[in-house]
PDB file of N, CA and C in Angstrom:
ATOM      1  N   UNK A   1      67.964 137.562 -48.541  1.00  0.00           N
ATOM      2  CA  UNK A   1      67.330 138.591 -49.338  1.00  0.00           C
ATOM      3  C   UNK A   1      68.383 139.596 -49.780  1.00  0.00           C
ATOM      4  N   UNK A   2      68.201 140.154 -50.945  1.00  0.00           N
ATOM      5  CA  UNK A   2      69.165 141.081 -51.517  1.00  0.00           C
ATOM      6  C   UNK A   2      69.398 142.288 -50.618  1.00  0.00           C
ATOM      7  N   UNK A   3      68.342 142.799 -50.002  1.00  0.00           N
ATOM      8  CA  UNK A   3      68.463 143.999 -49.176  1.00  0.00           C
ATOM      9  C   UNK A   3      69.492 143.818 -48.074  1.00  0.00           C
ATOM     10  N   UNK A   4      69.619 142.635 -47.551  1.00  0.00           N
ATOM     11  CA  UNK A   4      70.558 142.360 -46.477  1.00  0.00           C
ATOM     12  C   UNK A   4      71.983 142.253 -46.984  1.00  0.00           C
ATOM     13  N   UNK A   5      72.164 142.019 -48.280  1.00  0.00           N
ATOM     14  CA  UNK A   5      73.491 141.784 -48.825  1.00  0.00           C
ATOM     15  C   UNK A   5      74.049 142.954 -49.629  1.00  0.00           C
ATOM     16  N   UNK A   6      73.180 143.805 -50.128  1.00  0.00           N
ATOM     17  CA  UNK A   6      73.611 144.883 -51.006  1.00  0.00           C
ATOM     18  C   UNK A   6      73.156 146.215 -50.437  1.00  0.00           C
ATOM     19  N   UNK A   7      74.041 147.210 -50.493  1.00  0.00           N
ATOM     20  CA  UNK A   7      73.648 148.561 -50.124  1.00  0.00           C
ATOM     21  C   UNK A   7      72.617 149.009 -51.140  1.00  0.00           C
ATOM     22  N   UNK A   8      71.391 149.211 -50.700  1.00  0.00           N
ATOM     23  CA  UNK A   8      70.307 149.526 -51.630  1.00  0.00           C
ATOM     24  C   UNK A   8      70.151 151.023 -51.838  1.00  0.00           C
ATOM     25  N   UNK A   9      71.123 151.792 -51.411  1.00  0.00           N
ATOM     26  CA  UNK A   9      71.051 153.235 -51.592  1.00  0.00           C
ATOM     27  C   UNK A   9      71.809 153.700 -52.813  1.00  0.00           C
ATOM     28  N   UNK A  10      71.482 154.886 -53.239  1.00  0.00           N
ATOM     29  CA  UNK A  10      72.173 155.510 -54.360  1.00  0.00           C
ATOM     30  C   UNK A  10      73.049 156.609 -53.790  1.00  0.00           C
ATOM     31  N   UNK A  11      74.327 156.504 -54.025  1.00  0.00           N
ATOM     32  CA  UNK A  11      75.248 157.501 -53.484  1.00  0.00           C
ATOM     33  C   UNK A  11      74.996 158.885 -54.055  1.00  0.00           C
ATOM     34  N   UNK A  12      74.499 158.946 -55.298  1.00  0.00           N
ATOM     35  CA  UNK A  12      74.238 160.251 -55.916  1.00  0.00           C
ATOM     36  C   UNK A  12      73.045 160.952 -55.283  1.00  0.00           C
ATOM     37  N   UNK A  13      71.986 160.209 -54.970  1.00  0.00           N
ATOM     38  CA  UNK A  13      70.779 160.827 -54.435  1.00  0.00           C
ATOM     39  C   UNK A  13      70.661 160.684 -52.931  1.00  0.00           C
ATOM     40  N   UNK A  14      71.390 159.732 -52.351  1.00  0.00           N
ATOM     41  CA  UNK A  14      71.308 159.497 -50.911  1.00  0.00           C
ATOM     42  C   UNK A  14      70.028 158.810 -50.480  1.00  0.00           C
ATOM     43  N   UNK A  15      69.261 158.290 -51.422  1.00  0.00           N
ATOM     44  CA  UNK A  15      67.984 157.640 -51.106  1.00  0.00           C
ATOM     45  C   UNK A  15      68.133 156.136 -51.180  1.00  0.00           C
ATOM     46  N   UNK A  16      67.399 155.445 -50.310  1.00  0.00           N
ATOM     47  CA  UNK A  16      67.435 153.987 -50.265  1.00  0.00           C
ATOM     48  C   UNK A  16      66.132 153.408 -50.810  1.00  0.00           C
ATOM     49  N   UNK A  17      66.247 152.241 -51.425  1.00  0.00           N
ATOM     50  CA  UNK A  17      65.064 151.536 -51.905  1.00  0.00           C
ATOM     51  C   UNK A  17      64.369 150.850 -50.749  1.00  0.00           C
ATOM     52  N   UNK A  18      63.032 150.874 -50.783  1.00  0.00           N
ATOM     53  CA  UNK A  18      62.258 150.137 -49.787  1.00  0.00           C
ATOM     54  C   UNK A  18      62.331 148.643 -50.107  1.00  0.00           C
ATOM     55  N   UNK A  19      61.917 147.838 -49.177  1.00  0.00           N
ATOM     56  CA  UNK A  19      61.893 146.383 -49.384  1.00  0.00           C
ATOM     57  C   UNK A  19      61.033 146.038 -50.604  1.00  0.00           C
ATOM     58  N   UNK A  20      59.859 146.664 -50.711  1.00  0.00           N
ATOM     59  CA  UNK A  20      58.954 146.378 -51.830  1.00  0.00           C
ATOM     60  C   UNK A  20      59.560 146.836 -53.154  1.00  0.00           C
ATOM     61  N   UNK A  21      60.189 148.008 -53.169  1.00  0.00           N
ATOM     62  CA  UNK A  21      60.842 148.473 -54.389  1.00  0.00           C
ATOM     63  C   UNK A  21      61.926 147.504 -54.821  1.00  0.00           C
ATOM     64  N   UNK A  22      62.652 146.979 -53.866  1.00  0.00           N
ATOM     65  CA  UNK A  22      63.696 146.010 -54.176  1.00  0.00           C
ATOM     66  C   UNK A  22      63.102 144.729 -54.752  1.00  0.00           C
ATOM     67  N   UNK A  23      61.963 144.292 -54.206  1.00  0.00           N
ATOM     68  CA  UNK A  23      61.290 143.110 -54.754  1.00  0.00           C
ATOM     69  C   UNK A  23      60.860 143.346 -56.196  1.00  0.00           C
ATOM     70  N   UNK A  24      60.327 144.523 -56.474  1.00  0.00           N
ATOM     71  CA  UNK A  24      59.898 144.860 -57.833  1.00  0.00           C
ATOM     72  C   UNK A  24      61.105 144.894 -58.768  1.00  0.00           C
ATOM     73  N   UNK A  25      62.197 145.511 -58.329  1.00  0.00           N
ATOM     74  CA  UNK A  25      63.394 145.592 -59.165  1.00  0.00           C
ATOM     75  C   UNK A  25      64.000 144.219 -59.406  1.00  0.00           C
ATOM     76  N   UNK A  26      64.013 143.384 -58.398  1.00  0.00           N
ATOM     77  CA  UNK A  26      64.498 141.997 -58.560  1.00  0.00           C
ATOM     78  C   UNK A  26      63.684 141.277 -59.629  1.00  0.00           C
ATOM     79  N   UNK A  27      62.357 141.390 -59.529  1.00  0.00           N
ATOM     80  CA  UNK A  27      61.485 140.726 -60.502  1.00  0.00           C
ATOM     81  C   UNK A  27      61.725 141.278 -61.908  1.00  0.00           C
ATOM     82  N   UNK A  28      61.877 142.586 -62.020  1.00  0.00           N
ATOM     83  CA  UNK A  28      62.150 143.206 -63.317  1.00  0.00           C
ATOM     84  C   UNK A  28      63.470 142.698 -63.880  1.00  0.00           C
ATOM     85  N   UNK A  29      64.433 142.464 -63.010  1.00  0.00           N
ATOM     86  CA  UNK A  29      65.743 141.989 -63.471  1.00  0.00           C
ATOM     87  C   UNK A  29      65.673 140.569 -64.022  1.00  0.00           C
ATOM     88  N   UNK A  30      64.603 139.847 -63.688  1.00  0.00           N
ATOM     89  CA  UNK A  30      64.401 138.496 -64.212  1.00  0.00           C
ATOM     90  C   UNK A  30      63.513 138.512 -65.450  1.00  0.00           C
ATOM     91  N   UNK A  31      63.209 139.713 -65.941  1.00  0.00           N
ATOM     92  CA  UNK A  31      62.442 139.837 -67.168  1.00  0.00           C
ATOM     93  C   UNK A  31      60.934 139.754 -66.996  1.00  0.00           C
ATOM     94  N   UNK A  32      60.454 139.820 -65.766  1.00  0.00           N
ATOM     95  CA  UNK A  32      59.009 139.745 -65.552  1.00  0.00           C
ATOM     96  C   UNK A  32      58.339 141.031 -66.019  1.00  0.00           C
ATOM     97  N   UNK A  33      57.154 140.887 -66.577  1.00  0.00           N
ATOM     98  CA  UNK A  33      56.366 142.057 -66.990  1.00  0.00           C
ATOM     99  C   UNK A  33      55.728 142.687 -65.756  1.00  0.00           C
ATOM    100  N   UNK A  34      55.195 143.892 -65.929  1.00  0.00           N
ATOM    101  CA  UNK A  34      54.509 144.550 -64.816  1.00  0.00           C
ATOM    102  C   UNK A  34      53.352 143.687 -64.310  1.00  0.00           C
ATOM    103  N   UNK A  35      52.609 143.076 -65.242  1.00  0.00           N
ATOM    104  CA  UNK A  35      51.478 142.225 -64.857  1.00  0.00           C
ATOM    105  C   UNK A  35      51.950 140.999 -64.067  1.00  0.00           C
ATOM    106  N   UNK A  36      53.053 140.401 -64.485  1.00  0.00           N
ATOM    107  CA  UNK A  36      53.585 139.235 -63.771  1.00  0.00           C
ATOM    108  C   UNK A  36      54.076 139.623 -62.375  1.00  0.00           C
ATOM    109  N   UNK A  37      54.727 140.772 -62.286  1.00  0.00           N
ATOM    110  CA  UNK A  37      55.208 141.251 -60.982  1.00  0.00           C
ATOM    111  C   UNK A  37      54.008 141.505 -60.070  1.00  0.00           C
ATOM    112  N   UNK A  38      52.982 142.153 -60.604  1.00  0.00           N
ATOM    113  CA  UNK A  38      51.783 142.454 -59.819  1.00  0.00           C
ATOM    114  C   UNK A  38      51.138 141.176 -59.290  1.00  0.00           C
ATOM    115  N   UNK A  39      51.016 140.181 -60.155  1.00  0.00           N
ATOM    116  CA  UNK A  39      50.396 138.928 -59.745  1.00  0.00           C
ATOM    117  C   UNK A  39      51.219 138.242 -58.652  1.00  0.00           C
ATOM    118  N   UNK A  40      52.535 138.209 -58.838  1.00  0.00           N
ATOM    119  CA  UNK A  40      53.398 137.533 -57.865  1.00  0.00           C
ATOM    120  C   UNK A  40      53.374 138.225 -56.510  1.00  0.00           C
ATOM    121  N   UNK A  41      53.335 139.576 -56.520  1.00  0.00           N
ATOM    122  CA  UNK A  41      53.387 140.314 -55.264  1.00  0.00           C
ATOM    123  C   UNK A  41      52.006 140.594 -54.673  1.00  0.00           C
ATOM    124  N   UNK A  42      50.962 140.264 -55.428  1.00  0.00           N
ATOM    125  CA  UNK A  42      49.603 140.472 -54.926  1.00  0.00           C
ATOM    126  C   UNK A  42      49.207 141.938 -54.874  1.00  0.00           C
ATOM    127  N   UNK A  43      49.665 142.709 -55.850  1.00  0.00           N
ATOM    128  CA  UNK A  43      49.324 144.130 -55.940  1.00  0.00           C
ATOM    129  C   UNK A  43      48.808 144.418 -57.339  1.00  0.00           C
ATOM    130  N   UNK A  44      48.344 145.630 -57.551  1.00  0.00           N
ATOM    131  CA  UNK A  44      47.855 146.010 -58.879  1.00  0.00           C
ATOM    132  C   UNK A  44      49.017 146.374 -59.799  1.00  0.00           C
ATOM    133  N   UNK A  45      48.743 146.341 -61.099  1.00  0.00           N
ATOM    134  CA  UNK A  45      49.732 146.773 -62.078  1.00  0.00           C
ATOM    135  C   UNK A  45      50.069 148.243 -61.827  1.00  0.00           C
ATOM    136  N   UNK A  46      49.077 149.023 -61.447  1.00  0.00           N
ATOM    137  CA  UNK A  46      49.307 150.438 -61.141  1.00  0.00           C
ATOM    138  C   UNK A  46      50.328 150.575 -60.001  1.00  0.00           C
ATOM    139  N   UNK A  47      50.221 149.747 -58.981  1.00  0.00           N
ATOM    140  CA  UNK A  47      51.168 149.800 -57.862  1.00  0.00           C
ATOM    141  C   UNK A  47      52.583 149.468 -58.328  1.00  0.00           C
ATOM    142  N   UNK A  48      52.701 148.501 -59.212  1.00  0.00           N
ATOM    143  CA  UNK A  48      54.016 148.138 -59.749  1.00  0.00           C
ATOM    144  C   UNK A  48      54.599 149.324 -60.508  1.00  0.00           C
ATOM    145  N   UNK A  49      53.797 149.970 -61.337  1.00  0.00           N
ATOM    146  CA  UNK A  49      54.263 151.133 -62.094  1.00  0.00           C
ATOM    147  C   UNK A  49      54.676 152.260 -61.146  1.00  0.00           C
ATOM    148  N   UNK A  50      53.924 152.442 -60.084  1.00  0.00           N
ATOM    149  CA  UNK A  50      54.254 153.462 -59.094  1.00  0.00           C
ATOM    150  C   UNK A  50      55.606 153.156 -58.445  1.00  0.00           C
ATOM    151  N   UNK A  51      55.802 151.895 -58.061  1.00  0.00           N
ATOM    152  CA  UNK A  51      57.083 151.492 -57.455  1.00  0.00           C
ATOM    153  C   UNK A  51      58.236 151.689 -58.432  1.00  0.00           C
ATOM    154  N   UNK A  52      58.028 151.329 -59.694  1.00  0.00           N
ATOM    155  CA  UNK A  52      59.082 151.513 -60.692  1.00  0.00           C
ATOM    156  C   UNK A  52      59.438 152.988 -60.831  1.00  0.00           C
ATOM    157  N   UNK A  53      58.446 153.855 -60.837  1.00  0.00           N
ATOM    158  CA  UNK A  53      58.702 155.289 -60.910  1.00  0.00           C
ATOM    159  C   UNK A  53      59.529 155.779 -59.734  1.00  0.00           C
ATOM    160  N   UNK A  54      59.203 155.284 -58.549  1.00  0.00           N
ATOM    161  CA  UNK A  54      59.963 155.650 -57.343  1.00  0.00           C
ATOM    162  C   UNK A  54      61.400 155.139 -57.428  1.00  0.00           C
ATOM    163  N   UNK A  55      61.556 153.937 -57.955  1.00  0.00           N
ATOM    164  CA  UNK A  55      62.893 153.340 -58.117  1.00  0.00           C
ATOM    165  C   UNK A  55      63.728 154.208 -59.058  1.00  0.00           C
ATOM    166  N   UNK A  56      63.144 154.587 -60.187  1.00  0.00           N
ATOM    167  CA  UNK A  56      63.873 155.390 -61.168  1.00  0.00           C
ATOM    168  C   UNK A  56      64.336 156.710 -60.552  1.00  0.00           C
ATOM    169  N   UNK A  57      63.449 157.320 -59.793  1.00  0.00           N
ATOM    170  CA  UNK A  57      63.776 158.591 -59.149  1.00  0.00           C
ATOM    171  C   UNK A  57      64.906 158.419 -58.136  1.00  0.00           C
ATOM    172  N   UNK A  58      64.766 157.423 -57.276  1.00  0.00           N
ATOM    173  CA  UNK A  58      65.762 157.203 -56.219  1.00  0.00           C
ATOM    174  C   UNK A  58      67.134 156.832 -56.784  1.00  0.00           C
ATOM    175  N   UNK A  59      67.142 156.086 -57.869  1.00  0.00           N
ATOM    176  CA  UNK A  59      68.411 155.656 -58.451  1.00  0.00           C
ATOM    177  C   UNK A  59      68.944 156.649 -59.482  1.00  0.00           C
ATOM    178  N   UNK A  60      68.153 157.665 -59.780  1.00  0.00           N
ATOM    179  CA  UNK A  60      68.521 158.674 -60.781  1.00  0.00           C
ATOM    180  C   UNK A  60      68.784 158.016 -62.138  1.00  0.00           C
ATOM    181  N   UNK A  61      67.836 157.151 -62.530  1.00  0.00           N
ATOM    182  CA  UNK A  61      67.910 156.492 -63.835  1.00  0.00           C
ATOM    183  C   UNK A  61      66.662 156.856 -64.630  1.00  0.00           C
ATOM    184  N   UNK A  62      66.710 156.615 -65.939  1.00  0.00           N
ATOM    185  CA  UNK A  62      65.613 157.023 -66.815  1.00  0.00           C
ATOM    186  C   UNK A  62      64.595 155.932 -67.103  1.00  0.00           C
ATOM    187  N   UNK A  63      64.996 154.659 -66.917  1.00  0.00           N
ATOM    188  CA  UNK A  63      64.089 153.594 -67.330  1.00  0.00           C
ATOM    189  C   UNK A  63      64.427 152.268 -66.655  1.00  0.00           C
ATOM    190  N   UNK A  64      63.632 151.256 -66.978  1.00  0.00           N
ATOM    191  CA  UNK A  64      63.753 149.918 -66.405  1.00  0.00           C
ATOM    192  C   UNK A  64      65.124 149.307 -66.681  1.00  0.00           C
ATOM    193  N   UNK A  65      65.591 149.463 -67.898  1.00  0.00           N
ATOM    194  CA  UNK A  65      66.891 148.896 -68.266  1.00  0.00           C
ATOM    195  C   UNK A  65      68.007 149.482 -67.413  1.00  0.00           C
ATOM    196  N   UNK A  66      68.019 150.801 -67.262  1.00  0.00           N
ATOM    197  CA  UNK A  66      69.047 151.440 -66.443  1.00  0.00           C
ATOM    198  C   UNK A  66      68.937 151.006 -64.981  1.00  0.00           C
ATOM    199  N   UNK A  67      67.732 150.814 -64.494  1.00  0.00           N
ATOM    200  CA  UNK A  67      67.544 150.364 -63.110  1.00  0.00           C
ATOM    201  C   UNK A  67      68.094 148.947 -62.925  1.00  0.00           C
ATOM    202  N   UNK A  68      67.835 148.080 -63.886  1.00  0.00           N
ATOM    203  CA  UNK A  68      68.348 146.704 -63.802  1.00  0.00           C
ATOM    204  C   UNK A  68      69.870 146.705 -63.902  1.00  0.00           C
ATOM    205  N   UNK A  69      70.418 147.545 -64.762  1.00  0.00           N
ATOM    206  CA  UNK A  69      71.879 147.652 -64.853  1.00  0.00           C
ATOM    207  C   UNK A  69      72.447 148.103 -63.512  1.00  0.00           C
ATOM    208  N   UNK A  70      71.794 149.086 -62.869  1.00  0.00           N
ATOM    209  CA  UNK A  70      72.225 149.545 -61.546  1.00  0.00           C
ATOM    210  C   UNK A  70      72.258 148.365 -60.568  1.00  0.00           C
ATOM    211  N   UNK A  71      71.196 147.563 -60.574  1.00  0.00           N
ATOM    212  CA  UNK A  71      71.123 146.413 -59.679  1.00  0.00           C
ATOM    213  C   UNK A  71      72.257 145.426 -59.958  1.00  0.00           C
ATOM    214  N   UNK A  72      72.473 145.110 -61.214  1.00  0.00           N
ATOM    215  CA  UNK A  72      73.522 144.153 -61.580  1.00  0.00           C
ATOM    216  C   UNK A  72      74.906 144.669 -61.208  1.00  0.00           C
ATOM    217  N   UNK A  73      75.145 145.951 -61.399  1.00  0.00           N
ATOM    218  CA  UNK A  73      76.435 146.528 -61.021  1.00  0.00           C
ATOM    219  C   UNK A  73      76.654 146.463 -59.520  1.00  0.00           C
ATOM    220  N   UNK A  74      75.597 146.716 -58.752  1.00  0.00           N
ATOM    221  CA  UNK A  74      75.738 146.667 -57.300  1.00  0.00           C
ATOM    222  C   UNK A  74      75.920 145.235 -56.806  1.00  0.00           C
ATOM    223  N   UNK A  75      75.318 144.294 -57.483  1.00  0.00           N
ATOM    224  CA  UNK A  75      75.568 142.887 -57.142  1.00  0.00           C
ATOM    225  C   UNK A  75      77.035 142.567 -57.390  1.00  0.00           C
ATOM    226  N   UNK A  76      77.551 143.018 -58.527  1.00  0.00           N
ATOM    227  CA  UNK A  76      78.959 142.734 -58.889  1.00  0.00           C
ATOM    228  C   UNK A  76      79.903 143.377 -57.885  1.00  0.00           C
ATOM    229  N   UNK A  77      79.603 144.601 -57.462  1.00  0.00           N
ATOM    230  CA  UNK A  77      80.450 145.285 -56.479  1.00  0.00           C
ATOM    231  C   UNK A  77      80.523 144.497 -55.171  1.00  0.00           C
ATOM    232  N   UNK A  78      79.409 143.872 -54.821  1.00  0.00           N
ATOM    233  CA  UNK A  78      79.336 143.116 -53.571  1.00  0.00           C
ATOM    234  C   UNK A  78      79.835 141.681 -53.727  1.00  0.00           C
ATOM    235  N   UNK A  79      80.141 141.279 -54.962  1.00  0.00           N
ATOM    236  CA  UNK A  79      80.620 139.928 -55.206  1.00  0.00           C
ATOM    237  C   UNK A  79      79.553 138.866 -55.084  1.00  0.00           C
ATOM    238  N   UNK A  80      78.318 139.224 -55.454  1.00  0.00           N
ATOM    239  CA  UNK A  80      77.198 138.290 -55.326  1.00  0.00           C
ATOM    240  C   UNK A  80      76.961 137.534 -56.609  1.00  0.00           C
TER     241      UNK A  80
END
């Protein structure tokens, strides 16, 4: 799992992503819609939107694209 391989924290905010937030971000990085993520994780679309909002705050990013870029950069830093 990504959480075990990548530091899921943001050095700027000092906050770490939860396991569920990481799952949502992983799915978003594969281009899944909120509805697809909700169906796969067995949660509501509202829950997915809530998790995305928390992710944006913790990573100090403005949107989904910036969050995915953050994820990809951290993968690259770790050599994954």
